[in-house]
Amino acid sequence: IFNTIWPASLKTRFHFGPSEHAMFMSFIGVVYAFSQGFVAKRVIQFCGSERKVYVIMSCCAILGAGRYVAYYTLSIHIMYS
């Protein structure tokens, strides 16, 4: 649902066109790739495999809260951070 409404929301709030939307999605892809390829390994190693479920639940909660803030903010700087 979030991906379906995201382009319309960006266009309404920030007047994003196709090229701005493509750059934004590219940015999100790079950030996700970095977090999964670099950060996730270190977090799992630090927390240990026995707490892996709690790490995943925490990440889902943080992503959910971040998406909520990004969807309702009127600041493009907050949306990108």
Protein backbone atom coordinates (compact mmCIF):
# COMPACT_ATOMS: atom_id res chain seq x y z
CA ILE A 1 0.00 0.00 0.00
CA PHE A 2 2.80 2.40 0.90
CA ASN A 3 4.49 2.05 -2.50
CA THR A 4 1.18 2.57 -4.31
CA ILE A 5 0.39 5.89 -2.62
CA TRP A 6 3.96 7.15 -2.43
CA PRO A 7 4.23 8.70 -5.96
CA ALA A 8 0.95 10.61 -5.56
CA SER A 9 2.00 11.82 -2.12
CA LEU A 10 5.38 13.04 -3.39
CA LYS A 11 3.74 14.82 -6.29
CA THR A 12 1.18 16.52 -4.04
CA ARG A 13 3.55 17.58 -1.25
CA PHE A 14 6.78 18.34 -3.13
CA HIS A 15 5.70 18.62 -6.79
CA PHE A 16 7.86 15.62 -7.72
CA GLY A 17 7.93 14.68 -11.38
CA PRO A 18 9.14 11.38 -12.83
CA SER A 19 12.84 12.27 -12.61
CA GLU A 20 12.65 13.42 -8.96
CA HIS A 21 10.69 10.31 -8.06
CA ALA A 22 13.28 8.12 -9.80
CA MET A 23 16.12 9.85 -7.92
CA PHE A 24 14.27 9.43 -4.62
CA MET A 25 13.66 5.72 -5.23
CA SER A 26 17.31 5.29 -6.23
CA PHE A 27 18.36 6.95 -2.99
CA ILE A 28 16.07 4.63 -1.01
CA GLY A 29 17.49 1.61 -2.85
CA VAL A 30 21.08 2.58 -2.09
CA VAL A 31 20.26 3.18 1.58
CA TYR A 32 18.48 -0.20 1.86
CA ALA A 33 21.34 -2.00 0.10
CA PHE A 34 23.91 -0.39 2.42
CA SER A 35 21.89 -1.20 5.52
CA GLN A 36 21.35 -4.82 4.51
CA GLY A 37 24.87 -5.42 3.24
CA PHE A 38 26.90 -3.55 5.82
CA VAL A 39 24.95 -2.47 8.88
CA ALA A 40 22.79 -5.59 9.34
CA LYS A 41 25.76 -7.94 9.54
CA ARG A 42 27.40 -5.89 12.26
CA VAL A 43 24.20 -5.47 14.26
CA ILE A 44 23.51 -9.23 14.18
CA GLN A 45 27.12 -9.98 15.15
CA PHE A 46 26.94 -7.46 17.99
CA CYS A 47 23.58 -8.69 19.33
CA GLY A 48 24.21 -12.38 18.72
CA SER A 49 22.07 -14.88 16.88
CA GLU A 50 19.94 -15.63 19.97
CA ARG A 51 18.53 -12.06 19.88
CA LYS A 52 18.05 -11.99 16.11
CA VAL A 53 14.25 -11.98 16.37
CA TYR A 54 14.30 -8.91 18.63
CA VAL A 55 16.61 -7.11 16.21
CA ILE A 56 14.23 -7.86 13.30
CA MET A 57 11.21 -6.70 15.31
CA SER A 58 13.01 -3.50 16.30
CA CYS A 59 13.98 -2.82 12.68
CA CYS A 60 10.38 -3.32 11.54
CA ALA A 61 9.13 -0.90 14.20
CA ILE A 62 11.75 1.71 13.25
CA LEU A 63 10.96 1.36 9.53
CA GLY A 64 7.24 1.66 10.23
CA ALA A 65 7.69 4.78 12.33
CA GLY A 66 10.04 6.27 9.74
CA ARG A 67 7.56 5.67 6.93
CA TYR A 68 4.79 7.30 8.96
CA VAL A 69 6.93 10.40 9.56
CA ALA A 70 8.12 10.49 5.93
CA TYR A 71 4.57 10.22 4.62
CA TYR A 72 3.13 13.04 6.73
CA THR A 73 6.01 15.52 6.82
CA LEU A 74 6.01 18.66 4.73
CA SER A 75 9.80 18.99 4.96
CA ILE A 76 11.78 17.38 2.17
CA HIS A 77 14.85 17.27 4.46
CA ILE A 78 13.00 15.20 7.05
CA MET A 79 11.64 12.92 4.33
CA TYR A 80 15.16 12.16 3.08
CA SER A 81 16.54 11.58 6.58
